[in-house]
């Protein structure tokens, strides 16, 4: 994947994370504060816990940091997959966000 292709796909992922937060806030009683600074989105939950999603441009990866740990994702041609075989990015984000929010959350489009 070229650098421009990575940036297009990675920026689309960050926009989808932000849109998912907006949708969750609009459709549920959950309150997720999402703040974006450059290639990083920070999600802050009511209990003060955070999830950070940031771009790792030199590696062509997206990293997710949650209470459960840090996770690295590479685009496999169709999805952003964990580099250690732990699944797809948005499924992982939903799982970790649900744990931290204390309720089921869905970040799919």
PDB file of N, CA and C in Angstrom:
ATOM      1  N   UNK A   1       0.853  -1.165   0.000  1.00  0.00           N
ATOM      2  CA  UNK A   1       0.000   0.000   0.000  1.00  0.00           C
ATOM      3  C   UNK A   1       0.909   1.242   0.000  1.00  0.00           C
ATOM      4  N   UNK A   2       0.551   2.199  -0.823  1.00  0.00           N
ATOM      5  CA  UNK A   2       1.329   3.438  -0.874  1.00  0.00           C
ATOM      6  C   UNK A   2       0.961   4.335   0.308  1.00  0.00           C
ATOM      7  N   UNK A   3       1.795   5.319   0.579  1.00  0.00           N
ATOM      8  CA  UNK A   3       1.499   6.262   1.662  1.00  0.00           C
ATOM      9  C   UNK A   3       0.167   6.983   1.448  1.00  0.00           C
ATOM     10  N   UNK A   4      -0.119   7.492   0.241  1.00  0.00           N
ATOM     11  CA  UNK A   4      -1.421   8.148   0.031  1.00  0.00           C
ATOM     12  C   UNK A   4      -2.616   7.190   0.230  1.00  0.00           C
ATOM     13  N   UNK A   5      -2.476   5.937  -0.203  1.00  0.00           N
ATOM     14  CA  UNK A   5      -3.557   4.962   0.001  1.00  0.00           C
ATOM     15  C   UNK A   5      -3.774   4.719   1.494  1.00  0.00           C
ATOM     16  N   UNK A   6      -2.674   4.560   2.228  1.00  0.00           N
ATOM     17  CA  UNK A   6      -2.783   4.384   3.677  1.00  0.00           C
ATOM     18  C   UNK A   6      -3.523   5.568   4.304  1.00  0.00           C
ATOM     19  N   UNK A   7      -3.105   6.769   3.965  1.00  0.00           N
ATOM     20  CA  UNK A   7      -3.716   7.953   4.564  1.00  0.00           C
ATOM     21  C   UNK A   7      -5.205   8.040   4.235  1.00  0.00           C
ATOM     22  N   UNK A   8      -5.593   7.729   3.006  1.00  0.00           N
ATOM     23  CA  UNK A   8      -7.020   7.750   2.636  1.00  0.00           C
ATOM     24  C   UNK A   8      -7.800   6.761   3.491  1.00  0.00           C
ATOM     25  N   UNK A   9      -7.302   5.543   3.607  1.00  0.00           N
ATOM     26  CA  UNK A   9      -8.006   4.509   4.377  1.00  0.00           C
ATOM     27  C   UNK A   9      -7.991   4.817   5.878  1.00  0.00           C
ATOM     28  N   UNK A  10      -6.861   5.282   6.382  1.00  0.00           N
ATOM     29  CA  UNK A  10      -6.751   5.575   7.809  1.00  0.00           C
ATOM     30  C   UNK A  10      -7.621   6.773   8.202  1.00  0.00           C
ATOM     31  N   UNK A  11      -7.648   7.791   7.370  1.00  0.00           N
ATOM     32  CA  UNK A  11      -8.506   8.955   7.644  1.00  0.00           C
ATOM     33  C   UNK A  11      -9.976   8.550   7.606  1.00  0.00           C
ATOM     34  N   UNK A  12     -10.335   7.664   6.695  1.00  0.00           N
ATOM     35  CA  UNK A  12     -11.713   7.166   6.637  1.00  0.00           C
ATOM     36  C   UNK A  12     -12.060   6.423   7.930  1.00  0.00           C
ATOM     37  N   UNK A  13     -11.123   5.651   8.453  1.00  0.00           N
ATOM     38  CA  UNK A  13     -11.344   4.942   9.716  1.00  0.00           C
ATOM     39  C   UNK A  13     -11.579   5.941  10.848  1.00  0.00           C
ATOM     40  N   UNK A  14     -10.757   6.974  10.946  1.00  0.00           N
ATOM     41  CA  UNK A  14     -10.938   7.967  12.013  1.00  0.00           C
ATOM     42  C   UNK A  14     -12.285   8.680  11.884  1.00  0.00           C
ATOM     43  N   UNK A  15     -12.674   9.005  10.657  1.00  0.00           N
ATOM     44  CA  UNK A  15     -13.991   9.635  10.451  1.00  0.00           C
ATOM     45  C   UNK A  15     -15.116   8.698  10.878  1.00  0.00           C
ATOM     46  N   UNK A  16     -14.960   7.398  10.624  1.00  0.00           N
ATOM     47  CA  UNK A  16     -15.988   6.439  11.028  1.00  0.00           C
ATOM     48  C   UNK A  16     -16.061   6.313  12.546  1.00  0.00           C
ATOM     49  N   UNK A  17     -14.913   6.383  13.221  1.00  0.00           N
ATOM     50  CA  UNK A  17     -14.908   6.364  14.691  1.00  0.00           C
ATOM     51  C   UNK A  17     -15.671   7.575  15.212  1.00  0.00           C
ATOM     52  N   UNK A  18     -15.373   8.760  14.664  1.00  0.00           N
ATOM     53  CA  UNK A  18     -16.065   9.979  15.098  1.00  0.00           C
ATOM     54  C   UNK A  18     -17.561   9.903  14.811  1.00  0.00           C
ATOM     55  N   UNK A  19     -17.931   9.421  13.632  1.00  0.00           N
ATOM     56  CA  UNK A  19     -19.344   9.292  13.276  1.00  0.00           C
ATOM     57  C   UNK A  19     -20.043   8.295  14.188  1.00  0.00           C
ATOM     58  N   UNK A  20     -19.350   7.210  14.550  1.00  0.00           N
ATOM     59  CA  UNK A  20     -19.922   6.232  15.474  1.00  0.00           C
ATOM     60  C   UNK A  20     -20.201   6.847  16.836  1.00  0.00           C
ATOM     61  N   UNK A  21     -19.281   7.666  17.323  1.00  0.00           N
ATOM     62  CA  UNK A  21     -19.497   8.360  18.605  1.00  0.00           C
ATOM     63  C   UNK A  21     -20.708   9.282  18.519  1.00  0.00           C
ATOM     64  N   UNK A  22     -20.790  10.048  17.429  1.00  0.00           N
ATOM     65  CA  UNK A  22     -21.928  10.958  17.249  1.00  0.00           C
ATOM     66  C   UNK A  22     -23.242  10.191  17.230  1.00  0.00           C
ATOM     67  N   UNK A  23     -23.272   9.076  16.493  1.00  0.00           N
ATOM     68  CA  UNK A  23     -24.490   8.279  16.397  1.00  0.00           C
ATOM     69  C   UNK A  23     -24.874   7.694  17.754  1.00  0.00           C
ATOM     70  N   UNK A  24     -23.879   7.161  18.481  1.00  0.00           N
ATOM     71  CA  UNK A  24     -24.144   6.597  19.812  1.00  0.00           C
ATOM     72  C   UNK A  24     -24.680   7.676  20.741  1.00  0.00           C
ATOM     73  N   UNK A  25     -24.078   8.862  20.713  1.00  0.00           N
ATOM     74  CA  UNK A  25     -24.546   9.958  21.563  1.00  0.00           C
ATOM     75  C   UNK A  25     -25.958  10.399  21.199  1.00  0.00           C
ATOM     76  N   UNK A  26     -26.297  10.392  19.907  1.00  0.00           N
ATOM     77  CA  UNK A  26     -27.622  10.803  19.460  1.00  0.00           C
ATOM     78  C   UNK A  26     -28.694   9.759  19.762  1.00  0.00           C
ATOM     79  N   UNK A  27     -28.330   8.469  19.662  1.00  0.00           N
ATOM     80  CA  UNK A  27     -29.316   7.398  19.731  1.00  0.00           C
ATOM     81  C   UNK A  27     -29.446   6.742  21.099  1.00  0.00           C
ATOM     82  N   UNK A  28     -28.529   7.021  22.023  1.00  0.00           N
ATOM     83  CA  UNK A  28     -28.549   6.353  23.330  1.00  0.00           C
ATOM     84  C   UNK A  28     -28.314   7.382  24.434  1.00  0.00           C
ATOM     85  N   UNK A  29     -28.356   6.921  25.671  1.00  0.00           N
ATOM     86  CA  UNK A  29     -28.052   7.777  26.815  1.00  0.00           C
ATOM     87  C   UNK A  29     -26.551   7.822  27.108  1.00  0.00           C
ATOM     88  N   UNK A  30     -25.778   7.071  26.345  1.00  0.00           N
ATOM     89  CA  UNK A  30     -24.330   7.052  26.536  1.00  0.00           C
ATOM     90  C   UNK A  30     -23.752   8.396  26.138  1.00  0.00           C
ATOM     91  N   UNK A  31     -22.759   8.846  26.877  1.00  0.00           N
ATOM     92  CA  UNK A  31     -22.083  10.099  26.560  1.00  0.00           C
ATOM     93  C   UNK A  31     -20.607   9.806  26.335  1.00  0.00           C
ATOM     94  N   UNK A  32     -20.193   9.858  25.060  1.00  0.00           N
ATOM     95  CA  UNK A  32     -18.792   9.678  24.709  1.00  0.00           C
ATOM     96  C   UNK A  32     -18.291  11.003  24.153  1.00  0.00           C
ATOM     97  N   UNK A  33     -17.300  11.571  24.815  1.00  0.00           N
ATOM     98  CA  UNK A  33     -16.686  12.787  24.310  1.00  0.00           C
ATOM     99  C   UNK A  33     -15.560  12.368  23.369  1.00  0.00           C
ATOM    100  N   UNK A  34     -15.659  12.752  22.110  1.00  0.00           N
ATOM    101  CA  UNK A  34     -14.586  12.420  21.171  1.00  0.00           C
ATOM    102  C   UNK A  34     -13.893  13.702  20.749  1.00  0.00           C
ATOM    103  N   UNK A  35     -12.584  13.672  20.827  1.00  0.00           N
ATOM    104  CA  UNK A  35     -11.780  14.821  20.419  1.00  0.00           C
ATOM    105  C   UNK A  35     -10.717  14.337  19.449  1.00  0.00           C
ATOM    106  N   UNK A  36     -10.606  15.081  18.353  1.00  0.00           N
ATOM    107  CA  UNK A  36      -9.606  14.718  17.357  1.00  0.00           C
ATOM    108  C   UNK A  36      -8.535  15.804  17.281  1.00  0.00           C
ATOM    109  N   UNK A  37      -7.306  15.350  17.298  1.00  0.00           N
ATOM    110  CA  UNK A  37      -6.157  16.227  17.096  1.00  0.00           C
ATOM    111  C   UNK A  37      -5.266  15.533  16.072  1.00  0.00           C
ATOM    112  N   UNK A  38      -5.215  16.066  14.869  1.00  0.00           N
ATOM    113  CA  UNK A  38      -4.414  15.460  13.809  1.00  0.00           C
ATOM    114  C   UNK A  38      -4.840  14.031  13.548  1.00  0.00           C
ATOM    115  N   UNK A  39      -3.893  13.103  13.649  1.00  0.00           N
ATOM    116  CA  UNK A  39      -4.158  11.689  13.396  1.00  0.00           C
ATOM    117  C   UNK A  39      -4.504  10.905  14.637  1.00  0.00           C
ATOM    118  N   UNK A  40      -5.127  11.566  15.630  1.00  0.00           N
ATOM    119  CA  UNK A  40      -5.482  10.876  16.877  1.00  0.00           C
ATOM    120  C   UNK A  40      -6.882  11.276  17.315  1.00  0.00           C
ATOM    121  N   UNK A  41      -7.673  10.282  17.693  1.00  0.00           N
ATOM    122  CA  UNK A  41      -8.995  10.514  18.263  1.00  0.00           C
ATOM    123  C   UNK A  41      -8.995   9.942  19.679  1.00  0.00           C
ATOM    124  N   UNK A  42      -9.401  10.771  20.637  1.00  0.00           N
ATOM    125  CA  UNK A  42      -9.504  10.339  22.032  1.00  0.00           C
ATOM    126  C   UNK A  42     -10.975  10.268  22.400  1.00  0.00           C
ATOM    127  N   UNK A  43     -11.407   9.093  22.857  1.00  0.00           N
ATOM    128  CA  UNK A  43     -12.775   8.891  23.341  1.00  0.00           C
ATOM    129  C   UNK A  43     -12.721   8.886  24.860  1.00  0.00           C
ATOM    130  N   UNK A  44     -13.522   9.738  25.484  1.00  0.00           N
ATOM    131  CA  UNK A  44     -13.564   9.804  26.936  1.00  0.00           C
ATOM    132  C   UNK A  44     -14.976   9.434  27.392  1.00  0.00           C
ATOM    133  N   UNK A  45     -15.057   8.497  28.326  1.00  0.00           N
ATOM    134  CA  UNK A  45     -16.327   7.994  28.823  1.00  0.00           C
ATOM    135  C   UNK A  45     -16.695   8.673  30.146  1.00  0.00           C
ATOM    136  N   UNK A  46     -17.959   8.533  30.552  1.00  0.00           N
ATOM    137  CA  UNK A  46     -18.448   9.171  31.785  1.00  0.00           C
ATOM    138  C   UNK A  46     -17.571   8.871  32.993  1.00  0.00           C
ATOM    139  N   UNK A  47     -17.042   7.665  33.067  1.00  0.00           N
ATOM    140  CA  UNK A  47     -16.240   7.267  34.228  1.00  0.00           C
ATOM    141  C   UNK A  47     -14.807   7.792  34.151  1.00  0.00           C
ATOM    142  N   UNK A  48     -14.503   8.587  33.135  1.00  0.00           N
ATOM    143  CA  UNK A  48     -13.180   9.171  32.985  1.00  0.00           C
ATOM    144  C   UNK A  48     -12.191   8.316  32.211  1.00  0.00           C
ATOM    145  N   UNK A  49     -12.540   7.072  31.924  1.00  0.00           N
ATOM    146  CA  UNK A  49     -11.632   6.219  31.158  1.00  0.00           C
ATOM    147  C   UNK A  49     -11.599   6.684  29.707  1.00  0.00           C
ATOM    148  N   UNK A  50     -10.533   6.319  29.025  1.00  0.00           N
ATOM    149  CA  UNK A  50     -10.345   6.761  27.649  1.00  0.00           C
ATOM    150  C   UNK A  50      -9.937   5.607  26.745  1.00  0.00           C
ATOM    151  N   UNK A  51     -10.247   5.785  25.474  1.00  0.00           N
ATOM    152  CA  UNK A  51      -9.709   4.960  24.397  1.00  0.00           C
ATOM    153  C   UNK A  51      -9.076   5.930  23.424  1.00  0.00           C
ATOM    154  N   UNK A  52      -7.863   5.609  23.000  1.00  0.00           N
ATOM    155  CA  UNK A  52      -7.152   6.471  22.054  1.00  0.00           C
ATOM    156  C   UNK A  52      -6.884   5.669  20.785  1.00  0.00           C
ATOM    157  N   UNK A  53      -7.262   6.258  19.666  1.00  0.00           N
ATOM    158  CA  UNK A  53      -7.011   5.675  18.348  1.00  0.00           C
ATOM    159  C   UNK A  53      -6.071   6.629  17.629  1.00  0.00           C
ATOM    160  N   UNK A  54      -4.921   6.135  17.200  1.00  0.00           N
ATOM    161  CA  UNK A  54      -4.006   7.019  16.491  1.00  0.00           C
ATOM    162  C   UNK A  54      -3.330   6.316  15.323  1.00  0.00           C
ATOM    163  N   UNK A  55      -2.937   7.135  14.371  1.00  0.00           N
ATOM    164  CA  UNK A  55      -2.303   6.637  13.158  1.00  0.00           C
ATOM    165  C   UNK A  55      -0.811   6.488  13.381  1.00  0.00           C
ATOM    166  N   UNK A  56      -0.267   5.420  12.863  1.00  0.00           N
ATOM    167  CA  UNK A  56       1.172   5.181  12.863  1.00  0.00           C
ATOM    168  C   UNK A  56       1.610   5.147  11.401  1.00  0.00           C
ATOM    169  N   UNK A  57       1.817   6.337  10.856  1.00  0.00           N
ATOM    170  CA  UNK A  57       2.086   6.493   9.424  1.00  0.00           C
ATOM    171  C   UNK A  57       3.293   5.695   8.929  1.00  0.00           C
ATOM    172  N   UNK A  58       4.438   5.718   9.617  1.00  0.00           N
ATOM    173  CA  UNK A  58       5.597   4.987   9.082  1.00  0.00           C
ATOM    174  C   UNK A  58       5.343   3.476   8.955  1.00  0.00           C
ATOM    175  N   UNK A  59       4.489   2.944   9.827  1.00  0.00           N
ATOM    176  CA  UNK A  59       4.212   1.504   9.827  1.00  0.00           C
ATOM    177  C   UNK A  59       2.970   1.136   9.027  1.00  0.00           C
ATOM    178  N   UNK A  60       2.220   2.149   8.567  1.00  0.00           N
ATOM    179  CA  UNK A  60       0.932   1.938   7.899  1.00  0.00           C
ATOM    180  C   UNK A  60      -0.014   1.168   8.809  1.00  0.00           C
ATOM    181  N   UNK A  61      -0.039   1.540  10.083  1.00  0.00           N
ATOM    182  CA  UNK A  61      -0.902   0.896  11.071  1.00  0.00           C
ATOM    183  C   UNK A  61      -1.788   1.930  11.750  1.00  0.00           C
ATOM    184  N   UNK A  62      -2.824   1.418  12.396  1.00  0.00           N
ATOM    185  CA  UNK A  62      -3.670   2.185  13.303  1.00  0.00           C
ATOM    186  C   UNK A  62      -3.554   1.510  14.656  1.00  0.00           C
ATOM    187  N   UNK A  63      -3.313   2.301  15.686  1.00  0.00           N
ATOM    188  CA  UNK A  63      -3.171   1.752  17.035  1.00  0.00           C
ATOM    189  C   UNK A  63      -4.363   2.156  17.877  1.00  0.00           C
ATOM    190  N   UNK A  64      -4.784   1.237  18.739  1.00  0.00           N
ATOM    191  CA  UNK A  64      -5.879   1.470  19.670  1.00  0.00           C
ATOM    192  C   UNK A  64      -5.356   1.197  21.073  1.00  0.00           C
ATOM    193  N   UNK A  65      -5.511   2.160  21.970  1.00  0.00           N
ATOM    194  CA  UNK A  65      -5.120   1.987  23.366  1.00  0.00           C
ATOM    195  C   UNK A  65      -6.378   2.060  24.218  1.00  0.00           C
ATOM    196  N   UNK A  66      -6.610   1.016  25.005  1.00  0.00           N
ATOM    197  CA  UNK A  66      -7.769   0.927  25.880  1.00  0.00           C
ATOM    198  C   UNK A  66      -7.308   0.409  27.237  1.00  0.00           C
ATOM    199  N   UNK A  67      -8.227   0.340  28.188  1.00  0.00           N
ATOM    200  CA  UNK A  67      -7.865  -0.220  29.492  1.00  0.00           C
ATOM    201  C   UNK A  67      -7.251  -1.604  29.364  1.00  0.00           C
ATOM    202  N   UNK A  68      -7.748  -2.371  28.402  1.00  0.00           N
ATOM    203  CA  UNK A  68      -7.307  -3.760  28.226  1.00  0.00           C
ATOM    204  C   UNK A  68      -5.913  -3.865  27.611  1.00  0.00           C
ATOM    205  N   UNK A  69      -5.381  -2.753  27.095  1.00  0.00           N
ATOM    206  CA  UNK A  69      -4.044  -2.794  26.512  1.00  0.00           C
ATOM    207  C   UNK A  69      -3.964  -2.042  25.199  1.00  0.00           C
ATOM    208  N   UNK A  70      -2.862  -2.265  24.502  1.00  0.00           N
ATOM    209  CA  UNK A  70      -2.630  -1.618  23.221  1.00  0.00           C
ATOM    210  C   UNK A  70      -2.716  -2.629  22.089  1.00  0.00           C
ATOM    211  N   UNK A  71      -3.284  -2.205  20.971  1.00  0.00           N
ATOM    212  CA  UNK A  71      -3.538  -3.103  19.847  1.00  0.00           C
ATOM    213  C   UNK A  71      -3.143  -2.405  18.547  1.00  0.00           C
ATOM    214  N   UNK A  72      -2.573  -3.165  17.614  1.00  0.00           N
ATOM    215  CA  UNK A  72      -2.103  -2.630  16.341  1.00  0.00           C
ATOM    216  C   UNK A  72      -2.907  -3.272  15.214  1.00  0.00           C
ATOM    217  N   UNK A  73      -3.298  -2.455  14.232  1.00  0.00           N
ATOM    218  CA  UNK A  73      -4.129  -2.924  13.117  1.00  0.00           C
ATOM    219  C   UNK A  73      -3.502  -2.514  11.798  1.00  0.00           C
ATOM    220  N   UNK A  74      -3.526  -3.460  10.836  1.00  0.00           N
ATOM    221  CA  UNK A  74      -3.072  -3.207   9.467  1.00  0.00           C
ATOM    222  C   UNK A  74      -4.228  -3.509   8.521  1.00  0.00           C
ATOM    223  N   UNK A  75      -4.281  -2.756   7.432  1.00  0.00           N
ATOM    224  CA  UNK A  75      -5.315  -2.983   6.435  1.00  0.00           C
ATOM    225  C   UNK A  75      -4.937  -4.194   5.593  1.00  0.00           C
ATOM    226  N   UNK A  76      -5.847  -5.161   5.487  1.00  0.00           N
ATOM    227  CA  UNK A  76      -5.540  -6.411   4.779  1.00  0.00           C
ATOM    228  C   UNK A  76      -6.125  -6.470   3.368  1.00  0.00           C
ATOM    229  N   UNK A  77      -6.595  -5.327   2.884  1.00  0.00           N
ATOM    230  CA  UNK A  77      -7.222  -5.286   1.563  1.00  0.00           C
ATOM    231  C   UNK A  77      -8.717  -5.098   1.649  1.00  0.00           C
ATOM    232  N   UNK A  78      -9.304  -5.466   2.800  1.00  0.00           N
ATOM    233  CA  UNK A  78     -10.739  -5.251   2.980  1.00  0.00           C
ATOM    234  C   UNK A  78     -11.087  -4.717   4.368  1.00  0.00           C
ATOM    235  N   UNK A  79     -10.274  -5.018   5.381  1.00  0.00           N
ATOM    236  CA  UNK A  79     -10.563  -4.595   6.759  1.00  0.00           C
ATOM    237  C   UNK A  79      -9.271  -4.272   7.488  1.00  0.00           C
ATOM    238  N   UNK A  80      -9.404  -3.527   8.569  1.00  0.00           N
ATOM    239  CA  UNK A  80      -8.276  -3.277   9.471  1.00  0.00           C
ATOM    240  C   UNK A  80      -8.246  -4.414  10.476  1.00  0.00           C
ATOM    241  N   UNK A  81      -7.206  -5.252  10.392  1.00  0.00           N
ATOM    242  CA  UNK A  81      -7.121  -6.450  11.226  1.00  0.00           C
ATOM    243  C   UNK A  81      -5.973  -6.331  12.222  1.00  0.00           C
ATOM    244  N   UNK A  82      -6.193  -6.890  13.436  1.00  0.00           N
ATOM    245  CA  UNK A  82      -5.175  -6.892  14.481  1.00  0.00           C
ATOM    246  C   UNK A  82      -3.957  -7.671  13.993  1.00  0.00           C
ATOM    247  N   UNK A  83      -2.781  -7.124  14.239  1.00  0.00           N
ATOM    248  CA  UNK A  83      -1.556  -7.762  13.760  1.00  0.00           C
ATOM    249  C   UNK A  83      -1.218  -9.043  14.517  1.00  0.00           C
ATOM    250  N   UNK A  84      -1.903  -9.292  15.637  1.00  0.00           N
ATOM    251  CA  UNK A  84      -1.670 -10.517  16.406  1.00  0.00           C
ATOM    252  C   UNK A  84      -2.880 -11.454  16.353  1.00  0.00           C
ATOM    253  N   UNK A  85      -3.741 -11.245  15.346  1.00  0.00           N
ATOM    254  CA  UNK A  85      -4.854 -12.155  15.122  1.00  0.00           C
ATOM    255  C   UNK A  85      -6.026 -11.996  16.074  1.00  0.00           C
ATOM    256  N   UNK A  86      -6.170 -10.822  16.676  1.00  0.00           N
ATOM    257  CA  UNK A  86      -7.250 -10.611  17.648  1.00  0.00           C
ATOM    258  C   UNK A  86      -8.508  -9.997  17.046  1.00  0.00           C
ATOM    259  N   UNK A  87      -8.630  -9.976  15.738  1.00  0.00           N
ATOM    260  CA  UNK A  87      -9.874  -9.562  15.104  1.00  0.00           C
ATOM    261  C   UNK A  87      -9.825  -8.216  14.410  1.00  0.00           C
ATOM    262  N   UNK A  88     -10.988  -7.795  13.952  1.00  0.00           N
ATOM    263  CA  UNK A  88     -11.184  -6.599  13.152  1.00  0.00           C
ATOM    264  C   UNK A  88     -11.300  -5.364  14.049  1.00  0.00           C
ATOM    265  N   UNK A  89     -10.836  -4.214  13.559  1.00  0.00           N
ATOM    266  CA  UNK A  89     -10.758  -2.995  14.347  1.00  0.00           C
ATOM    267  C   UNK A  89     -12.093  -2.597  14.967  1.00  0.00           C
ATOM    268  N   UNK A  90     -13.157  -2.462  14.177  1.00  0.00           N
ATOM    269  CA  UNK A  90     -14.413  -1.936  14.721  1.00  0.00           C
ATOM    270  C   UNK A  90     -15.074  -2.900  15.695  1.00  0.00           C
ATOM    271  N   UNK A  91     -14.892  -4.200  15.501  1.00  0.00           N
ATOM    272  CA  UNK A  91     -15.392  -5.175  16.485  1.00  0.00           C
ATOM    273  C   UNK A  91     -14.624  -5.021  17.798  1.00  0.00           C
ATOM    274  N   UNK A  92     -13.311  -4.830  17.694  1.00  0.00           N
ATOM    275  CA  UNK A  92     -12.498  -4.634  18.897  1.00  0.00           C
ATOM    276  C   UNK A  92     -12.844  -3.325  19.588  1.00  0.00           C
ATOM    277  N   UNK A  93     -13.001  -2.259  18.804  1.00  0.00           N
ATOM    278  CA  UNK A  93     -13.377  -0.966  19.385  1.00  0.00           C
ATOM    279  C   UNK A  93     -14.702  -1.085  20.127  1.00  0.00           C
ATOM    280  N   UNK A  94     -15.683  -1.738  19.529  1.00  0.00           N
ATOM    281  CA  UNK A  94     -16.987  -1.910  20.183  1.00  0.00           C
ATOM    282  C   UNK A  94     -16.844  -2.697  21.482  1.00  0.00           C
ATOM    283  N   UNK A  95     -16.041  -3.743  21.467  1.00  0.00           N
ATOM    284  CA  UNK A  95     -15.852  -4.568  22.669  1.00  0.00           C
ATOM    285  C   UNK A  95     -15.199  -3.754  23.787  1.00  0.00           C
ATOM    286  N   UNK A  96     -14.121  -3.062  23.475  1.00  0.00           N
ATOM    287  CA  UNK A  96     -13.412  -2.293  24.500  1.00  0.00           C
ATOM    288  C   UNK A  96     -14.240  -1.105  24.981  1.00  0.00           C
ATOM    289  N   UNK A  97     -14.914  -0.411  24.073  1.00  0.00           N
ATOM    290  CA  UNK A  97     -15.753   0.721  24.460  1.00  0.00           C
ATOM    291  C   UNK A  97     -16.925   0.251  25.313  1.00  0.00           C
ATOM    292  N   UNK A  98     -17.500  -0.884  24.983  1.00  0.00           N
ATOM    293  CA  UNK A  98     -18.609  -1.427  25.771  1.00  0.00           C
ATOM    294  C   UNK A  98     -18.153  -1.753  27.193  1.00  0.00           C
ATOM    295  N   UNK A  99     -16.962  -2.348  27.305  1.00  0.00           N
ATOM    296  CA  UNK A  99     -16.420  -2.659  28.628  1.00  0.00           C
ATOM    297  C   UNK A  99     -16.211  -1.388  29.442  1.00  0.00           C
ATOM    298  N   UNK A 100     -15.666  -0.360  28.810  1.00  0.00           N
ATOM    299  CA  UNK A 100     -15.353   0.867  29.527  1.00  0.00           C
ATOM    300  C   UNK A 100     -16.595   1.708  29.812  1.00  0.00           C
ATOM    301  N   UNK A 101     -17.606   1.639  28.956  1.00  0.00           N
ATOM    302  CA  UNK A 101     -18.841   2.403  29.160  1.00  0.00           C
ATOM    303  C   UNK A 101     -19.822   1.669  30.067  1.00  0.00           C
ATOM    304  N   UNK A 102     -19.647   0.362  30.202  1.00  0.00           N
ATOM    305  CA  UNK A 102     -20.567  -0.416  31.022  1.00  0.00           C
ATOM    306  C   UNK A 102     -21.877  -0.733  30.338  1.00  0.00           C
ATOM    307  N   UNK A 103     -21.908  -0.620  29.016  1.00  0.00           N
ATOM    308  CA  UNK A 103     -23.094  -0.975  28.235  1.00  0.00           C
ATOM    309  C   UNK A 103     -22.679  -1.306  26.814  1.00  0.00           C
ATOM    310  N   UNK A 104     -23.531  -2.052  26.129  1.00  0.00           N
ATOM    311  CA  UNK A 104     -23.213  -2.494  24.774  1.00  0.00           C
ATOM    312  C   UNK A 104     -23.214  -1.312  23.802  1.00  0.00           C
ATOM    313  N   UNK A 105     -22.120  -1.151  23.075  1.00  0.00           N
ATOM    314  CA  UNK A 105     -21.991  -0.104  22.076  1.00  0.00           C
ATOM    315  C   UNK A 105     -21.612  -0.715  20.753  1.00  0.00           C
ATOM    316  N   UNK A 106     -22.098  -0.106  19.668  1.00  0.00           N
ATOM    317  CA  UNK A 106     -21.849  -0.606  18.317  1.00  0.00           C
ATOM    318  C   UNK A 106     -21.300   0.534  17.475  1.00  0.00           C
ATOM    319  N   UNK A 107     -20.119   0.353  16.914  1.00  0.00           N
ATOM    320  CA  UNK A 107     -19.504   1.388  16.089  1.00  0.00           C
ATOM    321  C   UNK A 107     -19.641   1.111  14.596  1.00  0.00           C
ATOM    322  N   UNK A 108     -20.405   0.085  14.220  1.00  0.00           N
ATOM    323  CA  UNK A 108     -20.552  -0.206  12.790  1.00  0.00           C
ATOM    324  C   UNK A 108     -21.378   0.903  12.133  1.00  0.00           C
ATOM    325  N   UNK A 109     -21.172   1.046  10.844  1.00  0.00           N
ATOM    326  CA  UNK A 109     -21.851   2.130  10.093  1.00  0.00           C
ATOM    327  C   UNK A 109     -23.346   1.918  10.064  1.00  0.00           C
TER     328      UNK A 109
END
